[in-house]
Amino acid sequence: MKMKDNSEQGSPALLDQPPRQLTNVLLGIIAFALVLFLMVQARFILISLAIAIILFSLTSEAINAVGRLRIGPLRIPPRLASLVALALIAAGLLTLTAVLISQVNTVVTMILNYAGPAQRAIAELFSWMGPEVEQSVLASMQSIQVAGYLTTLASQASNLLSATILIILFVGFLFAERIWFDAKLLSLIGDSERAEQVARMVGTIMRRVNHYLLVKAIVSAVTALAVYGVFQVGGFNLAVPVAIITFALNFIPSIGSIIATIIAALAVYVLTQNPYSAGSVLIAVGVLQFVIGNVIDPMLMGHALRLSSFGIIISLAFWGAVWGLPGMFLAVPIMVALMIICAQSPRLRPLAVLLSREGLPETDH
């Protein structure tokens, strides 16, 4: 009888587990949806903050190296090195923003001049299917509201200037707070050994992301110069805007180089309305992108990332949907940080294994 009573008393607890698990799952889904909503609504601030953290990470090691230098008996104060770095970052960002806005104006002017010829040139690509199909494509192209897209492009350019100023402010405050990071981390965690482990993990994230961005910057610059050379040899206009677009899009893994190649070929076709010239540029730029992306890039990158190719595509799709084009630029750095963080937790390690290329994320920092 006692065994029966015990079984009867234990059965409600067992029956209560599935509803409790279902409640936890539903609460997790609601929390994820709420966080996703907030990330979308605050994307301007969050994207600016993410870029500021990356710039701060790129310059922190350089500041530490400068701080260790001695000029005779004198030593460069860390605050002075931080101020110089902040001034250089501000000047570089403002110059880059001015160049991008100038190129946007050039592209807008060219679109206004070539909108009509471009629509007819694209419609002529379908002439082999008959005049009716060609006229239908031309009518569809002419129905596109070019002015609306140009207005959106102009507003994005103004947002770029606002984002640049916000990034400079974020970087400045990060530099001001950097000398207290270790003390704050120790006070927050309370355990010196655990705080040191977290500091090593953050250092690993910074080193990997820095290595990735530096290699990508070098590879993208080489690719942009090669595309610029192709346009100059062919005598085509828009060499500088296409080169800048190529440089930027090459920071997007896998699909960025494909989009840049198509843009280069379409630009030549719109300018010349000659399919053979466009095809030649498509082949030339495609070969350059293939050689640089599949030979030089992996050779320089080495095993620094150890990321799954499928995981990169999923990350691109997710962050592109949440933050748009800037999210696609930030997808790989965020994925690197996520993999390293998950590798430190036994419960989250399966996710790190899925994100890693060989299924063996590094855990030693």
Protein backbone atom coordinates (compact mmCIF):
# COMPACT_ATOMS: atom_id res chain seq x y z
CA MET A 1 0.00 0.00 0.00
CA LYS A 2 2.86 2.40 0.79
CA MET A 3 4.47 1.71 -2.57
CA LYS A 4 1.16 2.40 -4.23
CA ASP A 5 0.79 5.67 -2.36
CA ASN A 6 4.29 6.72 -3.30
CA SER A 7 3.64 5.98 -6.96
CA GLU A 8 0.43 7.92 -6.83
CA GLN A 9 2.18 10.86 -5.21
CA GLY A 10 5.04 10.82 -7.74
CA SER A 11 2.85 10.63 -10.81
CA PRO A 12 1.60 14.25 -10.66
CA ALA A 13 5.21 15.50 -10.64
CA LEU A 14 5.97 13.38 -13.68
CA LEU A 15 2.86 14.59 -15.41
CA ASP A 16 3.79 18.17 -14.57
CA GLN A 17 7.14 18.00 -16.37
CA PRO A 18 5.95 18.15 -20.03
CA PRO A 19 3.77 21.26 -19.47
CA ARG A 20 6.65 22.93 -17.62
CA GLN A 21 9.05 22.12 -20.45
CA LEU A 22 6.55 23.40 -22.98
CA THR A 23 6.20 26.61 -20.96
CA ASN A 24 9.97 27.08 -20.95
CA VAL A 25 10.10 26.58 -24.71
CA LEU A 26 7.31 29.08 -25.30
CA LEU A 27 8.97 31.60 -22.98
CA GLY A 28 12.24 31.12 -24.87
CA ILE A 29 10.50 31.74 -28.21
CA ILE A 30 8.81 34.88 -26.84
CA ALA A 31 12.13 36.16 -25.44
CA PHE A 32 13.89 35.51 -28.77
CA ALA A 33 11.13 37.30 -30.70
CA LEU A 34 11.34 40.27 -28.30
CA VAL A 35 15.14 40.50 -28.59
CA LEU A 36 14.88 40.23 -32.39
CA PHE A 37 12.28 43.02 -32.45
CA LEU A 38 14.51 45.27 -30.33
CA MET A 39 17.53 44.51 -32.53
CA VAL A 40 15.59 45.53 -35.63
CA GLN A 41 14.21 48.70 -34.04
CA ALA A 42 17.59 49.76 -32.61
CA ARG A 43 19.65 48.64 -35.61
CA PHE A 44 21.11 52.10 -36.30
CA ILE A 45 22.60 52.38 -32.80
CA LEU A 46 23.59 48.71 -32.57
CA ILE A 47 25.32 48.68 -35.97
CA SER A 48 27.23 51.84 -35.07
CA LEU A 49 28.22 50.31 -31.72
CA ALA A 50 29.37 47.07 -33.36
CA ILE A 51 31.54 48.95 -35.87
CA ALA A 52 32.95 51.11 -33.04
CA ILE A 53 33.89 47.99 -31.04
CA ILE A 54 35.63 46.53 -34.10
CA LEU A 55 37.60 49.75 -34.68
CA PHE A 56 38.50 49.86 -31.00
CA SER A 57 39.66 46.24 -31.20
CA LEU A 58 41.79 46.95 -34.26
CA THR A 59 43.59 49.86 -32.62
CA SER A 60 43.91 48.58 -29.04
CA GLU A 61 46.97 46.43 -29.73
CA ALA A 62 48.61 49.27 -31.66
CA ILE A 63 47.99 51.63 -28.73
CA ASN A 64 49.49 49.11 -26.30
CA ALA A 65 52.55 48.76 -28.54
CA VAL A 66 52.96 52.54 -28.77
CA GLY A 67 52.57 52.81 -25.01
CA ARG A 68 55.51 50.44 -24.53
CA LEU A 69 57.81 52.53 -26.73
CA ARG A 70 60.41 54.78 -25.17
CA ILE A 71 61.96 57.91 -26.66
CA GLY A 72 65.12 58.12 -24.61
CA PRO A 73 64.03 58.34 -20.98
CA LEU A 74 60.50 59.40 -21.97
CA ARG A 75 57.57 57.06 -22.39
CA ILE A 76 54.47 57.85 -24.44
CA PRO A 77 51.47 58.11 -22.09
CA PRO A 78 48.57 55.74 -22.95
CA ARG A 79 46.12 58.65 -22.93
CA LEU A 80 48.16 60.50 -25.54
CA ALA A 81 48.35 57.36 -27.70
CA SER A 82 44.57 56.94 -27.35
CA LEU A 83 43.95 60.57 -28.36
CA VAL A 84 46.18 60.20 -31.42
CA ALA A 85 44.43 56.95 -32.39
CA LEU A 86 41.00 58.56 -31.94
CA ALA A 87 42.06 61.52 -34.10
CA LEU A 88 43.32 59.19 -36.83
CA ILE A 89 40.14 57.09 -36.71
CA ALA A 90 37.94 60.20 -36.87
CA ALA A 91 39.91 61.63 -39.79
CA GLY A 92 39.87 58.30 -41.62
CA LEU A 93 36.13 57.74 -41.11
CA LEU A 94 35.20 61.27 -42.14
CA THR A 95 37.42 61.04 -45.24
CA LEU A 96 35.95 57.66 -46.16
CA THR A 97 32.42 58.99 -45.65
CA ALA A 98 33.16 61.99 -47.87
CA VAL A 99 34.54 59.72 -50.60
CA LEU A 100 31.54 57.40 -50.40
CA ILE A 101 29.05 60.28 -50.54
CA SER A 102 30.93 61.74 -53.51
CA GLN A 103 30.81 58.40 -55.30
CA VAL A 104 27.11 58.07 -54.48
CA ASN A 105 26.53 61.44 -56.15
CA THR A 106 28.52 60.24 -59.17
CA VAL A 107 26.48 57.06 -59.38
CA VAL A 108 23.20 58.99 -59.04
CA THR A 109 24.23 61.34 -61.86
CA MET A 110 25.22 58.42 -64.07
CA ILE A 111 21.94 56.63 -63.33
CA LEU A 112 19.98 59.70 -64.35
CA ASN A 113 21.98 59.95 -67.58
CA TYR A 114 21.88 56.25 -68.44
CA ALA A 115 18.47 55.21 -67.07
CA GLY A 116 16.78 55.24 -70.49
CA PRO A 117 19.64 53.58 -72.43
CA ALA A 118 20.07 51.01 -69.66
CA GLN A 119 16.42 49.98 -69.81
CA ARG A 120 16.58 49.57 -73.57
CA ALA A 121 19.90 47.72 -73.38
CA ILE A 122 18.54 45.23 -70.85
CA ALA A 123 15.39 44.75 -72.92
CA GLU A 124 17.51 43.99 -75.98
CA LEU A 125 19.00 41.01 -74.15
CA PHE A 126 15.60 39.33 -74.62
CA SER A 127 15.28 40.16 -78.33
CA TRP A 128 16.04 36.54 -79.27
CA MET A 129 12.72 35.60 -77.65
CA GLY A 130 10.75 37.84 -80.01
CA PRO A 131 9.72 41.51 -80.24
CA GLU A 132 6.71 41.02 -77.97
CA VAL A 133 8.87 39.73 -75.13
CA GLU A 134 11.37 42.54 -75.68
CA GLN A 135 8.61 45.18 -75.53
CA SER A 136 7.17 43.55 -72.39
CA VAL A 137 10.54 43.62 -70.65
CA LEU A 138 11.05 47.26 -71.71
CA ALA A 139 7.63 48.21 -70.34
CA SER A 140 8.44 46.47 -67.07
CA MET A 141 11.78 48.26 -66.83
CA GLN A 142 10.19 51.65 -67.54
CA SER A 143 7.64 51.07 -64.79
CA ILE A 144 10.42 51.04 -62.20
CA GLN A 145 10.40 54.27 -60.22
CA VAL A 146 14.05 55.29 -60.50
CA ALA A 147 13.45 58.56 -58.64
CA GLY A 148 12.18 56.69 -55.58
CA TYR A 149 15.29 54.52 -55.41
CA LEU A 150 17.52 57.57 -55.85
CA THR A 151 15.73 59.29 -52.96
CA THR A 152 16.33 56.24 -50.78
CA LEU A 153 19.98 56.20 -51.83
CA ALA A 154 20.36 59.87 -50.92
CA SER A 155 18.77 59.30 -47.50
CA GLN A 156 21.14 56.39 -46.89
CA ALA A 157 24.06 58.70 -47.68
CA SER A 158 22.85 61.20 -45.07
CA ASN A 159 22.44 58.36 -42.55
CA LEU A 160 26.03 57.36 -43.30
CA LEU A 161 27.29 60.73 -42.06
CA SER A 162 25.19 60.48 -38.88
CA ALA A 163 26.46 56.94 -38.28
CA THR A 164 30.06 58.08 -38.75
CA ILE A 165 29.72 60.75 -36.07
CA LEU A 166 28.06 58.26 -33.71
CA ILE A 167 30.83 55.70 -34.31
CA ILE A 168 33.49 58.32 -33.52
CA LEU A 169 31.72 59.14 -30.24
CA PHE A 170 31.45 55.45 -29.31
CA VAL A 171 35.14 54.85 -30.05
CA GLY A 172 36.11 57.91 -28.00
CA PHE A 173 34.21 56.69 -24.95
CA LEU A 174 35.66 53.18 -25.34
CA PHE A 175 39.17 54.64 -25.36
CA ALA A 176 38.34 56.68 -22.26
CA GLU A 177 37.09 53.55 -20.44
CA ARG A 178 39.75 51.09 -21.58
CA ILE A 179 42.09 51.60 -18.61
CA TRP A 180 39.36 50.37 -16.23
CA PHE A 181 38.20 47.35 -18.22
CA ASP A 182 40.19 44.81 -16.19
CA ALA A 183 39.14 46.27 -12.85
CA LYS A 184 35.48 46.35 -13.91
CA LEU A 185 35.66 42.77 -15.16
CA LEU A 186 37.13 41.57 -11.87
CA SER A 187 34.50 43.43 -9.85
CA LEU A 188 31.72 42.11 -12.06
CA ILE A 189 32.75 38.44 -11.88
CA GLY A 190 34.27 38.42 -8.40
CA ASP A 191 36.68 35.56 -9.16
CA SER A 192 40.15 36.50 -10.42
CA GLU A 193 40.68 33.16 -12.17
CA ARG A 194 37.32 33.34 -13.92
CA ALA A 195 37.94 37.00 -14.83
CA GLU A 196 41.28 36.07 -16.36
CA GLN A 197 39.60 33.32 -18.39
CA VAL A 198 37.00 35.77 -19.71
CA ALA A 199 39.75 38.26 -20.54
CA ARG A 200 41.60 35.57 -22.52
CA MET A 201 38.39 34.69 -24.36
CA VAL A 202 37.82 38.35 -25.28
CA GLY A 203 41.44 38.58 -26.42
CA THR A 204 40.99 35.54 -28.65
CA ILE A 205 37.88 37.05 -30.23
CA MET A 206 39.70 40.32 -30.86
CA ARG A 207 42.75 38.61 -32.40
CA ARG A 208 40.69 36.44 -34.73
CA VAL A 209 38.39 39.25 -35.84
CA ASN A 210 41.35 41.60 -36.32
CA HIS A 211 43.18 39.01 -38.41
CA TYR A 212 40.08 38.38 -40.51
CA LEU A 213 39.43 42.08 -41.14
CA LEU A 214 43.05 42.90 -41.97
CA VAL A 215 43.30 40.02 -44.44
CA LYS A 216 39.94 40.93 -45.97
CA ALA A 217 41.02 44.56 -46.30
CA ILE A 218 44.22 43.55 -48.12
CA VAL A 219 42.44 41.07 -50.39
CA SER A 220 39.59 43.50 -51.13
CA ALA A 221 42.05 46.30 -51.95
CA VAL A 222 43.97 44.04 -54.35
CA THR A 223 40.72 42.95 -56.01
CA ALA A 224 39.49 46.55 -56.31
CA LEU A 225 42.77 47.64 -57.91
CA ALA A 226 42.56 44.72 -60.36
CA VAL A 227 38.98 45.64 -61.34
CA TYR A 228 40.04 49.29 -61.69
CA GLY A 229 42.83 48.14 -64.02
CA VAL A 230 40.39 46.11 -66.13
CA PHE A 231 38.14 49.17 -66.58
CA GLN A 232 41.09 51.42 -67.39
CA VAL A 233 42.50 48.99 -69.95
CA GLY A 234 39.07 48.68 -71.56
CA GLY A 235 38.57 52.44 -71.53
CA PHE A 236 35.28 52.24 -69.60
CA ASN A 237 33.86 54.93 -67.35
CA LEU A 238 32.83 54.37 -63.71
CA ALA A 239 36.16 52.71 -62.91
CA VAL A 240 36.43 54.35 -59.47
CA PRO A 241 32.82 53.71 -58.33
CA VAL A 242 32.93 50.09 -59.49
CA ALA A 243 36.29 49.58 -57.75
CA ILE A 244 34.93 51.02 -54.49
CA ILE A 245 31.82 48.83 -54.75
CA THR A 246 34.05 45.81 -55.37
CA PHE A 247 36.19 46.66 -52.32
CA ALA A 248 33.13 46.94 -50.08
CA LEU A 249 31.27 43.88 -51.37
CA ASN A 250 34.31 41.62 -50.99
CA PHE A 251 33.88 41.91 -47.21
CA ILE A 252 30.69 39.87 -47.65
CA PRO A 253 31.81 36.21 -47.84
CA SER A 254 30.84 33.97 -50.76
CA ILE A 255 28.13 36.09 -52.39
CA GLY A 256 29.85 39.51 -52.24
CA SER A 257 32.37 38.74 -54.98
CA ILE A 258 29.61 37.31 -57.21
CA ILE A 259 27.48 40.44 -56.84
CA ALA A 260 30.51 42.68 -57.49
CA THR A 261 31.35 40.76 -60.70
CA ILE A 262 27.77 41.04 -61.98
CA ILE A 263 27.69 44.78 -61.19
CA ALA A 264 30.93 45.33 -63.11
CA ALA A 265 29.61 43.47 -66.17
CA LEU A 266 26.24 45.26 -66.06
CA ALA A 267 27.96 48.63 -65.77
CA VAL A 268 30.00 47.93 -68.90
CA TYR A 269 26.95 46.69 -70.77
CA VAL A 270 24.95 49.79 -69.86
CA LEU A 271 27.84 52.07 -70.85
CA THR A 272 28.63 50.38 -74.16
CA GLN A 273 25.46 48.38 -74.97
CA ASN A 274 27.88 45.82 -76.35
CA PRO A 275 27.32 42.28 -75.01
CA TYR A 276 30.81 41.19 -76.10
CA SER A 277 32.49 43.92 -74.03
CA ALA A 278 30.29 43.08 -71.06
CA GLY A 279 31.05 39.38 -71.48
CA SER A 280 34.78 40.05 -71.64
CA VAL A 281 34.63 42.09 -68.43
CA LEU A 282 32.50 39.40 -66.80
CA ILE A 283 35.09 36.73 -67.64
CA ALA A 284 38.09 38.88 -66.69
CA VAL A 285 36.67 40.05 -63.37
CA GLY A 286 35.27 36.58 -62.64
CA VAL A 287 38.70 35.00 -63.14
CA LEU A 288 40.32 37.64 -60.93
CA GLN A 289 37.74 37.10 -58.20
CA PHE A 290 38.16 33.32 -58.42
CA VAL A 291 41.96 33.39 -58.23
CA ILE A 292 42.11 35.98 -55.45
CA GLY A 293 39.22 34.50 -53.48
CA ASN A 294 40.23 30.84 -53.75
CA VAL A 295 44.03 31.04 -53.76
CA ILE A 296 45.33 34.23 -52.16
CA ASP A 297 42.56 34.70 -49.58
CA PRO A 298 42.78 31.17 -48.04
CA MET A 299 46.58 31.34 -48.08
CA LEU A 300 46.57 34.58 -46.06
CA MET A 301 43.63 33.64 -43.85
CA GLY A 302 45.02 30.26 -42.85
CA HIS A 303 43.13 28.56 -40.02
CA ALA A 304 42.32 31.75 -38.14
CA LEU A 305 38.53 31.46 -38.43
CA ARG A 306 37.75 27.72 -38.61
CA LEU A 307 34.15 28.56 -39.52
CA SER A 308 31.66 26.32 -41.30
CA SER A 309 30.84 27.50 -44.83
CA PHE A 310 27.20 26.56 -44.34
CA GLY A 311 27.20 28.40 -41.02
CA ILE A 312 28.56 31.51 -42.76
CA ILE A 313 25.71 31.42 -45.30
CA ILE A 314 23.14 31.04 -42.49
CA SER A 315 24.77 33.91 -40.60
CA LEU A 316 24.70 36.10 -43.73
CA ALA A 317 21.02 35.35 -44.27
CA PHE A 318 20.08 35.98 -40.63
CA TRP A 319 22.01 39.21 -40.07
CA GLY A 320 21.12 40.44 -43.55
CA ALA A 321 17.44 40.01 -42.66
CA VAL A 322 17.88 41.72 -39.27
CA TRP A 323 20.26 44.58 -40.12
CA GLY A 324 20.28 44.65 -43.91
CA LEU A 325 23.53 45.18 -45.81
CA PRO A 326 25.54 46.29 -42.73
CA GLY A 327 24.49 43.08 -41.02
CA MET A 328 26.02 41.05 -43.84
CA PHE A 329 29.32 42.89 -43.34
CA LEU A 330 29.21 42.12 -39.61
CA ALA A 331 27.99 38.52 -39.96
CA VAL A 332 31.42 36.84 -39.84
CA PRO A 333 32.83 38.84 -36.86
CA ILE A 334 29.64 38.14 -34.90
CA MET A 335 29.83 34.45 -35.83
CA VAL A 336 33.48 34.25 -34.68
CA ALA A 337 32.58 35.77 -31.31
CA LEU A 338 29.55 33.50 -30.93
CA MET A 339 31.56 30.35 -31.66
CA ILE A 340 34.31 31.22 -29.17
CA ILE A 341 31.79 32.12 -26.45
CA CYS A 342 29.76 28.95 -26.99
CA ALA A 343 32.92 26.82 -26.87
CA GLN A 344 33.42 27.90 -23.23
CA SER A 345 30.06 26.57 -22.05
CA PRO A 346 29.40 22.81 -21.85
CA ARG A 347 25.71 23.38 -22.59
CA LEU A 348 26.41 25.61 -25.64
CA ARG A 349 29.41 23.69 -26.97
CA PRO A 350 27.26 21.70 -29.50
CA LEU A 351 26.40 25.03 -31.15
CA ALA A 352 30.11 25.91 -31.33
CA VAL A 353 30.78 22.52 -32.93
CA LEU A 354 28.12 23.20 -35.57
CA LEU A 355 29.56 26.64 -36.31
CA SER A 356 33.15 25.37 -36.63
CA ARG A 357 34.57 24.00 -39.87
CA GLU A 358 36.10 20.76 -38.60
CA GLY A 359 33.74 20.34 -35.67
CA LEU A 360 36.63 21.13 -33.29
CA PRO A 361 36.34 24.71 -32.03
CA GLU A 362 39.39 25.89 -30.16
CA THR A 363 38.92 26.21 -26.42
CA ASP A 364 42.44 27.07 -25.36
CA HIS A 365 42.90 30.81 -25.08
